Amino acid sequence: MSKFEVSFNSPQCGWMSIGFAGSEGEFHTTTANMPHTSALSELMALLAGFLDGANGEKLLKWNRDPEEFDFRFVRSGDELTFEIYEYATGDRASDEKTRVFNHRGNVREICRAFCETFQQLFEDRDTDEFEFNWRQPFPTRELRELEHKLN
């Protein structure tokens, strides 16, 4: 299995560039802060739950306009599968979804890659005017919980 990499770049005007690289290629896109306004904090909480031992499947709706994404995570033992599905519209018709990214790896390694990226966003939040540019507060509590579960 190859190394998993995550990038979330500084937000601008309610948009943020994100990217993933792993065992089956790369995926990069620009995402919006709407309509799923709690997606970033939910992602951090979901990852912390896997570090706490949660098994099974978790699905997170992720933003883009007009497209939308599902981040699908499936944990089995120490292995976590992360998939991204793209929908052409907010209707989320299952017959129209396309898998655009897939990676399988160790739970802790995947969570650590996300956490390191979120820590960098947090460290740069004042310089990048995160809350102004993302139009939402930074999910500090969820980041601290994720960090705690990793340590």
N, C-alpha and C. Protein backbone atom coordinates (compact mmCIF):
# COMPACT_ATOMS: atom_id res chain seq x y z
N MET A 1 0.83 -1.18 0.00
CA MET A 1 0.00 0.00 0.00
C MET A 1 0.88 1.25 0.00
N SER A 2 0.48 2.23 -0.76
CA SER A 2 1.26 3.45 -0.86
C SER A 2 0.85 4.45 0.21
N LYS A 3 1.70 5.42 0.39
CA LYS A 3 1.44 6.46 1.38
C LYS A 3 0.21 7.27 0.98
N PHE A 4 -0.58 7.64 1.98
CA PHE A 4 -1.78 8.44 1.77
C PHE A 4 -1.46 9.89 2.08
N GLU A 5 -1.81 10.79 1.18
CA GLU A 5 -1.56 12.21 1.36
C GLU A 5 -2.85 13.00 1.21
N VAL A 6 -2.98 14.03 2.04
CA VAL A 6 -4.16 14.89 2.06
C VAL A 6 -3.71 16.34 1.96
N SER A 7 -4.41 17.14 1.18
CA SER A 7 -4.14 18.58 1.17
C SER A 7 -5.46 19.35 1.18
N PHE A 8 -5.54 20.29 2.09
CA PHE A 8 -6.63 21.25 2.15
C PHE A 8 -5.95 22.61 2.13
N ASN A 9 -6.14 23.36 1.07
CA ASN A 9 -5.47 24.65 0.95
C ASN A 9 -6.30 25.76 1.57
N SER A 10 -5.67 26.86 1.82
CA SER A 10 -6.33 28.01 2.43
C SER A 10 -7.59 28.38 1.66
N PRO A 11 -8.69 28.60 2.37
CA PRO A 11 -9.94 28.95 1.67
C PRO A 11 -9.88 30.38 1.11
N GLN A 12 -10.65 30.57 0.05
CA GLN A 12 -10.79 31.88 -0.59
C GLN A 12 -12.24 32.07 -0.99
N CYS A 13 -12.89 33.09 -0.46
CA CYS A 13 -14.25 33.46 -0.86
C CYS A 13 -15.25 32.31 -0.77
N GLY A 14 -15.13 31.48 0.27
CA GLY A 14 -16.06 30.38 0.47
C GLY A 14 -15.71 29.10 -0.27
N TRP A 15 -14.54 29.05 -0.89
CA TRP A 15 -14.08 27.88 -1.64
C TRP A 15 -12.73 27.43 -1.10
N MET A 16 -12.47 26.12 -1.21
CA MET A 16 -11.20 25.58 -0.75
C MET A 16 -10.77 24.45 -1.70
N SER A 17 -9.52 24.47 -2.07
CA SER A 17 -8.95 23.41 -2.89
C SER A 17 -8.54 22.26 -1.97
N ILE A 18 -8.94 21.03 -2.33
CA ILE A 18 -8.57 19.86 -1.55
C ILE A 18 -8.00 18.81 -2.50
N GLY A 19 -7.17 17.93 -1.96
CA GLY A 19 -6.59 16.88 -2.78
C GLY A 19 -6.24 15.67 -1.96
N PHE A 20 -6.23 14.53 -2.63
CA PHE A 20 -5.89 13.25 -1.99
C PHE A 20 -5.02 12.46 -2.96
N ALA A 21 -4.03 11.76 -2.43
CA ALA A 21 -3.20 10.87 -3.23
C ALA A 21 -3.01 9.59 -2.43
N GLY A 22 -3.10 8.46 -3.13
CA GLY A 22 -2.97 7.19 -2.43
C GLY A 22 -2.72 6.04 -3.37
N SER A 23 -3.14 4.88 -2.93
CA SER A 23 -2.82 3.63 -3.61
C SER A 23 -3.39 3.53 -5.02
N GLU A 24 -4.44 4.23 -5.31
CA GLU A 24 -5.07 4.11 -6.63
C GLU A 24 -5.18 5.45 -7.34
N GLY A 25 -4.18 6.30 -7.16
CA GLY A 25 -4.17 7.56 -7.90
C GLY A 25 -4.37 8.78 -7.04
N GLU A 26 -4.77 9.85 -7.72
CA GLU A 26 -4.95 11.15 -7.07
C GLU A 26 -6.32 11.72 -7.43
N PHE A 27 -6.77 12.63 -6.56
CA PHE A 27 -8.00 13.36 -6.83
C PHE A 27 -7.86 14.76 -6.25
N HIS A 28 -8.16 15.76 -7.06
CA HIS A 28 -8.10 17.15 -6.64
C HIS A 28 -9.37 17.85 -7.10
N THR A 29 -9.88 18.73 -6.26
CA THR A 29 -11.06 19.50 -6.64
C THR A 29 -11.11 20.77 -5.80
N THR A 30 -12.02 21.63 -6.14
CA THR A 30 -12.32 22.81 -5.34
C THR A 30 -13.69 22.59 -4.74
N THR A 31 -13.82 22.82 -3.44
CA THR A 31 -15.09 22.59 -2.77
C THR A 31 -15.62 23.88 -2.17
N ALA A 32 -16.92 23.90 -1.96
CA ALA A 32 -17.59 25.08 -1.41
C ALA A 32 -17.90 24.87 0.07
N ASN A 33 -18.16 25.96 0.75
CA ASN A 33 -18.51 25.89 2.16
C ASN A 33 -20.00 25.59 2.38
N MET A 34 -20.76 25.49 1.31
CA MET A 34 -22.21 25.26 1.38
C MET A 34 -22.56 24.10 0.46
N PRO A 35 -23.61 23.40 0.56
CA PRO A 35 -24.69 23.55 1.52
C PRO A 35 -24.47 22.78 2.83
N HIS A 36 -23.47 21.90 2.86
CA HIS A 36 -23.23 21.10 4.07
C HIS A 36 -22.23 21.84 4.95
N THR A 37 -22.74 22.79 5.70
CA THR A 37 -21.88 23.72 6.42
C THR A 37 -21.07 23.09 7.55
N SER A 38 -21.47 21.94 8.02
CA SER A 38 -20.71 21.30 9.12
C SER A 38 -19.82 20.16 8.62
N ALA A 39 -19.61 20.07 7.31
CA ALA A 39 -18.85 18.95 6.74
C ALA A 39 -17.44 18.83 7.31
N LEU A 40 -16.73 19.94 7.47
CA LEU A 40 -15.36 19.89 7.97
C LEU A 40 -15.31 19.38 9.40
N SER A 41 -16.17 19.90 10.25
CA SER A 41 -16.19 19.43 11.65
C SER A 41 -16.68 17.99 11.73
N GLU A 42 -17.64 17.61 10.89
CA GLU A 42 -18.13 16.23 10.87
C GLU A 42 -17.04 15.27 10.42
N LEU A 43 -16.21 15.70 9.47
CA LEU A 43 -15.11 14.86 9.01
C LEU A 43 -14.13 14.60 10.14
N MET A 44 -13.78 15.63 10.88
CA MET A 44 -12.86 15.46 12.00
C MET A 44 -13.45 14.53 13.06
N ALA A 45 -14.73 14.71 13.38
CA ALA A 45 -15.39 13.86 14.39
C ALA A 45 -15.48 12.41 13.91
N LEU A 46 -15.76 12.22 12.65
CA LEU A 46 -15.85 10.87 12.08
C LEU A 46 -14.50 10.16 12.19
N LEU A 47 -13.42 10.85 11.86
CA LEU A 47 -12.08 10.26 11.97
C LEU A 47 -11.73 9.94 13.41
N ALA A 48 -12.08 10.83 14.34
CA ALA A 48 -11.83 10.57 15.76
C ALA A 48 -12.59 9.33 16.22
N GLY A 49 -13.79 9.14 15.71
CA GLY A 49 -14.57 7.95 16.04
C GLY A 49 -13.89 6.68 15.59
N PHE A 50 -13.29 6.69 14.40
CA PHE A 50 -12.56 5.51 13.94
C PHE A 50 -11.35 5.24 14.83
N LEU A 51 -10.70 6.28 15.30
CA LEU A 51 -9.56 6.10 16.20
C LEU A 51 -10.01 5.58 17.55
N ASP A 52 -11.27 5.81 17.87
CA ASP A 52 -11.85 5.34 19.13
C ASP A 52 -12.32 3.88 19.01
N GLY A 53 -12.17 3.30 17.81
CA GLY A 53 -12.52 1.90 17.64
C GLY A 53 -13.78 1.63 16.85
N ALA A 54 -14.45 2.67 16.37
CA ALA A 54 -15.68 2.46 15.60
C ALA A 54 -15.37 1.65 14.35
N ASN A 55 -16.21 0.69 14.05
CA ASN A 55 -16.11 -0.11 12.83
C ASN A 55 -17.31 0.18 11.94
N GLY A 56 -17.27 -0.33 10.73
CA GLY A 56 -18.40 -0.19 9.83
C GLY A 56 -18.22 0.95 8.86
N GLU A 57 -19.34 1.37 8.28
CA GLU A 57 -19.35 2.37 7.22
C GLU A 57 -19.88 3.71 7.72
N LYS A 58 -19.23 4.77 7.30
CA LYS A 58 -19.67 6.14 7.58
C LYS A 58 -19.67 6.90 6.26
N LEU A 59 -20.72 7.67 6.05
CA LEU A 59 -20.88 8.44 4.82
C LEU A 59 -21.00 9.92 5.19
N LEU A 60 -20.21 10.74 4.54
CA LEU A 60 -20.20 12.18 4.79
C LEU A 60 -20.49 12.91 3.50
N LYS A 61 -21.52 13.75 3.52
CA LYS A 61 -21.83 14.58 2.36
C LYS A 61 -20.85 15.74 2.33
N TRP A 62 -20.26 15.95 1.13
CA TRP A 62 -19.26 17.00 0.98
C TRP A 62 -19.70 17.94 -0.13
N ASN A 63 -19.27 19.19 -0.07
CA ASN A 63 -19.77 20.29 -0.89
C ASN A 63 -18.99 20.53 -2.18
N ARG A 64 -19.74 20.89 -3.16
CA ARG A 64 -19.26 21.52 -4.37
C ARG A 64 -20.51 22.08 -5.04
N ASP A 65 -20.36 22.95 -5.97
CA ASP A 65 -21.54 23.55 -6.58
C ASP A 65 -21.36 23.61 -8.08
N PRO A 66 -22.17 22.97 -8.87
CA PRO A 66 -23.41 22.29 -8.53
C PRO A 66 -23.21 20.83 -8.13
N GLU A 67 -22.01 20.27 -8.38
CA GLU A 67 -21.77 18.88 -8.02
C GLU A 67 -21.71 18.72 -6.50
N GLU A 68 -21.87 17.48 -6.06
CA GLU A 68 -21.68 17.16 -4.65
C GLU A 68 -20.90 15.86 -4.58
N PHE A 69 -20.34 15.62 -3.41
CA PHE A 69 -19.54 14.42 -3.18
C PHE A 69 -20.02 13.69 -1.94
N ASP A 70 -19.79 12.39 -1.93
CA ASP A 70 -19.88 11.59 -0.72
C ASP A 70 -18.48 11.12 -0.39
N PHE A 71 -18.06 11.33 0.85
CA PHE A 71 -16.85 10.72 1.36
C PHE A 71 -17.31 9.47 2.09
N ARG A 72 -16.92 8.32 1.62
CA ARG A 72 -17.34 7.05 2.21
C ARG A 72 -16.13 6.40 2.87
N PHE A 73 -16.29 6.08 4.14
CA PHE A 73 -15.25 5.41 4.90
C PHE A 73 -15.80 4.07 5.38
N VAL A 74 -14.98 3.02 5.26
CA VAL A 74 -15.36 1.71 5.77
C VAL A 74 -14.18 1.16 6.55
N ARG A 75 -14.41 0.91 7.84
CA ARG A 75 -13.36 0.34 8.67
C ARG A 75 -13.64 -1.12 8.93
N SER A 76 -12.58 -1.92 8.78
CA SER A 76 -12.61 -3.33 9.11
C SER A 76 -11.29 -3.66 9.78
N GLY A 77 -11.34 -3.92 11.09
CA GLY A 77 -10.10 -4.16 11.84
C GLY A 77 -9.25 -2.91 11.85
N ASP A 78 -7.97 -3.07 11.46
CA ASP A 78 -7.05 -1.92 11.42
C ASP A 78 -7.01 -1.27 10.05
N GLU A 79 -7.88 -1.70 9.15
CA GLU A 79 -7.87 -1.19 7.79
C GLU A 79 -9.04 -0.24 7.56
N LEU A 80 -8.76 0.84 6.85
CA LEU A 80 -9.79 1.83 6.52
C LEU A 80 -9.79 2.05 5.01
N THR A 81 -10.96 1.97 4.41
CA THR A 81 -11.12 2.29 3.00
C THR A 81 -11.78 3.65 2.91
N PHE A 82 -11.21 4.52 2.09
CA PHE A 82 -11.73 5.86 1.87
C PHE A 82 -12.04 6.00 0.39
N GLU A 83 -13.29 6.29 0.08
CA GLU A 83 -13.72 6.47 -1.29
C GLU A 83 -14.44 7.81 -1.43
N ILE A 84 -14.32 8.40 -2.61
CA ILE A 84 -15.06 9.63 -2.92
C ILE A 84 -15.93 9.34 -4.13
N TYR A 85 -17.21 9.65 -3.97
CA TYR A 85 -18.17 9.52 -5.06
C TYR A 85 -18.66 10.91 -5.45
N GLU A 86 -18.73 11.15 -6.74
CA GLU A 86 -19.20 12.44 -7.26
C GLU A 86 -20.59 12.29 -7.85
N TYR A 87 -21.44 13.27 -7.55
CA TYR A 87 -22.79 13.37 -8.12
C TYR A 87 -22.84 14.63 -8.97
N ALA A 88 -23.53 14.55 -10.08
CA ALA A 88 -23.61 15.70 -10.99
C ALA A 88 -24.38 16.86 -10.39
N THR A 89 -25.34 16.57 -9.50
CA THR A 89 -26.16 17.62 -8.89
C THR A 89 -26.41 17.28 -7.43
N GLY A 90 -27.07 18.17 -6.73
CA GLY A 90 -27.46 17.95 -5.34
C GLY A 90 -28.56 16.92 -5.19
N ASP A 91 -29.13 16.46 -6.31
CA ASP A 91 -30.17 15.43 -6.25
C ASP A 91 -29.61 14.10 -5.75
N ARG A 92 -28.32 13.87 -5.97
CA ARG A 92 -27.63 12.66 -5.50
C ARG A 92 -28.28 11.38 -6.01
N ALA A 93 -28.62 11.34 -7.26
CA ALA A 93 -29.20 10.13 -7.85
C ALA A 93 -28.13 9.04 -7.88
N SER A 94 -28.41 7.90 -7.23
CA SER A 94 -27.40 6.86 -7.09
C SER A 94 -26.94 6.30 -8.43
N ASP A 95 -27.80 6.32 -9.42
CA ASP A 95 -27.40 5.81 -10.73
C ASP A 95 -26.50 6.80 -11.48
N GLU A 96 -26.32 8.00 -10.93
CA GLU A 96 -25.48 9.00 -11.55
C GLU A 96 -24.18 9.24 -10.80
N LYS A 97 -23.93 8.47 -9.75
CA LYS A 97 -22.70 8.71 -8.99
C LYS A 97 -21.52 8.00 -9.66
N THR A 98 -20.35 8.61 -9.51
CA THR A 98 -19.13 8.08 -10.07
C THR A 98 -18.06 8.06 -8.99
N ARG A 99 -17.39 6.92 -8.83
CA ARG A 99 -16.28 6.88 -7.86
C ARG A 99 -15.09 7.57 -8.51
N VAL A 100 -14.58 8.60 -7.83
CA VAL A 100 -13.47 9.38 -8.37
C VAL A 100 -12.17 9.19 -7.59
N PHE A 101 -12.25 8.52 -6.43
CA PHE A 101 -11.04 8.26 -5.64
C PHE A 101 -11.27 7.07 -4.73
N ASN A 102 -10.20 6.31 -4.53
CA ASN A 102 -10.26 5.16 -3.64
C ASN A 102 -8.88 4.95 -3.02
N HIS A 103 -8.84 4.73 -1.71
CA HIS A 103 -7.59 4.38 -1.03
C HIS A 103 -7.93 3.48 0.14
N ARG A 104 -7.08 2.47 0.32
CA ARG A 104 -7.23 1.58 1.47
C ARG A 104 -5.89 1.55 2.20
N GLY A 105 -5.96 1.69 3.54
CA GLY A 105 -4.74 1.68 4.33
C GLY A 105 -5.04 1.54 5.80
N ASN A 106 -3.99 1.71 6.58
CA ASN A 106 -4.09 1.61 8.03
C ASN A 106 -4.91 2.79 8.59
N VAL A 107 -5.79 2.49 9.53
CA VAL A 107 -6.67 3.51 10.12
C VAL A 107 -5.87 4.68 10.66
N ARG A 108 -4.86 4.40 11.47
CA ARG A 108 -4.09 5.48 12.11
C ARG A 108 -3.33 6.32 11.08
N GLU A 109 -2.80 5.66 10.05
CA GLU A 109 -2.04 6.40 9.04
C GLU A 109 -2.95 7.34 8.25
N ILE A 110 -4.13 6.87 7.90
CA ILE A 110 -5.07 7.73 7.17
C ILE A 110 -5.53 8.89 8.06
N CYS A 111 -5.89 8.60 9.29
CA CYS A 111 -6.32 9.66 10.21
C CYS A 111 -5.20 10.65 10.48
N ARG A 112 -3.97 10.16 10.59
CA ARG A 112 -2.83 11.06 10.81
C ARG A 112 -2.63 12.00 9.62
N ALA A 113 -2.78 11.50 8.40
CA ALA A 113 -2.62 12.35 7.22
C ALA A 113 -3.65 13.48 7.21
N PHE A 114 -4.91 13.15 7.53
CA PHE A 114 -5.94 14.18 7.64
C PHE A 114 -5.59 15.17 8.75
N CYS A 115 -5.22 14.64 9.91
CA CYS A 115 -4.95 15.50 11.07
C CYS A 115 -3.81 16.47 10.79
N GLU A 116 -2.74 16.00 10.18
CA GLU A 116 -1.61 16.90 9.88
C GLU A 116 -2.04 18.05 8.97
N THR A 117 -2.89 17.76 8.01
CA THR A 117 -3.40 18.80 7.12
C THR A 117 -4.28 19.79 7.88
N PHE A 118 -5.15 19.26 8.75
CA PHE A 118 -6.01 20.14 9.55
C PHE A 118 -5.19 20.99 10.51
N GLN A 119 -4.13 20.42 11.08
CA GLN A 119 -3.26 21.19 11.97
C GLN A 119 -2.62 22.36 11.22
N GLN A 120 -2.20 22.13 9.98
CA GLN A 120 -1.61 23.20 9.18
C GLN A 120 -2.64 24.28 8.88
N LEU A 121 -3.87 23.89 8.55
CA LEU A 121 -4.95 24.87 8.35
C LEU A 121 -5.15 25.70 9.61
N PHE A 122 -5.13 25.02 10.77
CA PHE A 122 -5.33 25.70 12.05
C PHE A 122 -4.20 26.69 12.32
N GLU A 123 -2.96 26.25 12.09
CA GLU A 123 -1.81 27.12 12.35
C GLU A 123 -1.83 28.37 11.46
N ASP A 124 -2.34 28.22 10.25
CA ASP A 124 -2.37 29.34 9.29
C ASP A 124 -3.67 30.11 9.30
N ARG A 125 -4.59 29.78 10.22
CA ARG A 125 -5.94 30.33 10.15
C ARG A 125 -5.99 31.85 10.27
N ASP A 126 -5.13 32.44 11.10
CA ASP A 126 -5.14 33.90 11.24
C ASP A 126 -4.55 34.58 10.00
N THR A 127 -3.42 34.07 9.54
CA THR A 127 -2.77 34.62 8.35
C THR A 127 -3.68 34.51 7.14
N ASP A 128 -4.35 33.35 7.02
CA ASP A 128 -5.21 33.10 5.87
C ASP A 128 -6.63 33.62 6.06
N GLU A 129 -6.90 34.22 7.22
CA GLU A 129 -8.25 34.70 7.54
C GLU A 129 -9.28 33.60 7.26
N PHE A 130 -9.01 32.43 7.86
CA PHE A 130 -9.82 31.24 7.61
C PHE A 130 -11.31 31.49 7.78
N GLU A 131 -11.69 32.04 8.92
CA GLU A 131 -13.13 32.20 9.20
C GLU A 131 -13.79 33.18 8.24
N PHE A 132 -13.10 34.22 7.85
CA PHE A 132 -13.65 35.16 6.89
C PHE A 132 -13.77 34.50 5.52
N ASN A 133 -12.71 33.81 5.10
CA ASN A 133 -12.68 33.23 3.76
C ASN A 133 -13.48 31.94 3.62
N TRP A 134 -13.60 31.16 4.70
CA TRP A 134 -14.41 29.94 4.65
C TRP A 134 -15.84 30.23 5.08
N ARG A 135 -16.03 31.40 5.68
CA ARG A 135 -17.35 31.88 6.12
C ARG A 135 -17.96 30.99 7.19
N GLN A 136 -17.07 30.37 7.97
CA GLN A 136 -17.47 29.52 9.09
C GLN A 136 -16.34 29.51 10.10
N PRO A 137 -16.65 29.26 11.35
CA PRO A 137 -15.57 29.15 12.33
C PRO A 137 -14.75 27.88 12.12
N PHE A 138 -13.49 27.93 12.49
CA PHE A 138 -12.66 26.74 12.40
C PHE A 138 -13.11 25.75 13.48
N PRO A 139 -13.24 24.47 13.15
CA PRO A 139 -13.71 23.47 14.13
C PRO A 139 -12.60 23.05 15.10
N THR A 140 -12.21 23.97 15.95
CA THR A 140 -11.09 23.75 16.86
C THR A 140 -11.35 22.59 17.82
N ARG A 141 -12.54 22.51 18.39
CA ARG A 141 -12.85 21.44 19.34
C ARG A 141 -12.69 20.08 18.69
N GLU A 142 -13.18 19.93 17.47
CA GLU A 142 -13.10 18.65 16.76
C GLU A 142 -11.65 18.31 16.41
N LEU A 143 -10.85 19.34 16.06
CA LEU A 143 -9.44 19.10 15.78
C LEU A 143 -8.72 18.62 17.04
N ARG A 144 -8.99 19.26 18.16
CA ARG A 144 -8.34 18.86 19.42
C ARG A 144 -8.71 17.42 19.80
N GLU A 145 -9.95 17.04 19.55
CA GLU A 145 -10.39 15.66 19.84
C GLU A 145 -9.67 14.67 18.92
N LEU A 146 -9.54 15.00 17.67
CA LEU A 146 -8.81 14.15 16.72
C LEU A 146 -7.35 14.01 17.14
N GLU A 147 -6.72 15.11 17.50
CA GLU A 147 -5.34 15.07 17.97
C GLU A 147 -5.20 14.18 19.21
N HIS A 148 -6.13 14.35 20.14
CA HIS A 148 -6.13 13.55 21.38
C HIS A 148 -6.21 12.06 21.07
N LYS A 149 -7.08 11.68 20.15
CA LYS A 149 -7.26 10.26 19.81
C LYS A 149 -6.01 9.70 19.11
N LEU A 150 -5.30 10.53 18.36
CA LEU A 150 -4.07 10.07 17.70
C LEU A 150 -2.94 9.89 18.70
N ASN A 151 -2.95 10.68 19.76
CA ASN A 151 -1.88 10.60 20.76
C ASN A 151 -2.35 9.76 21.89
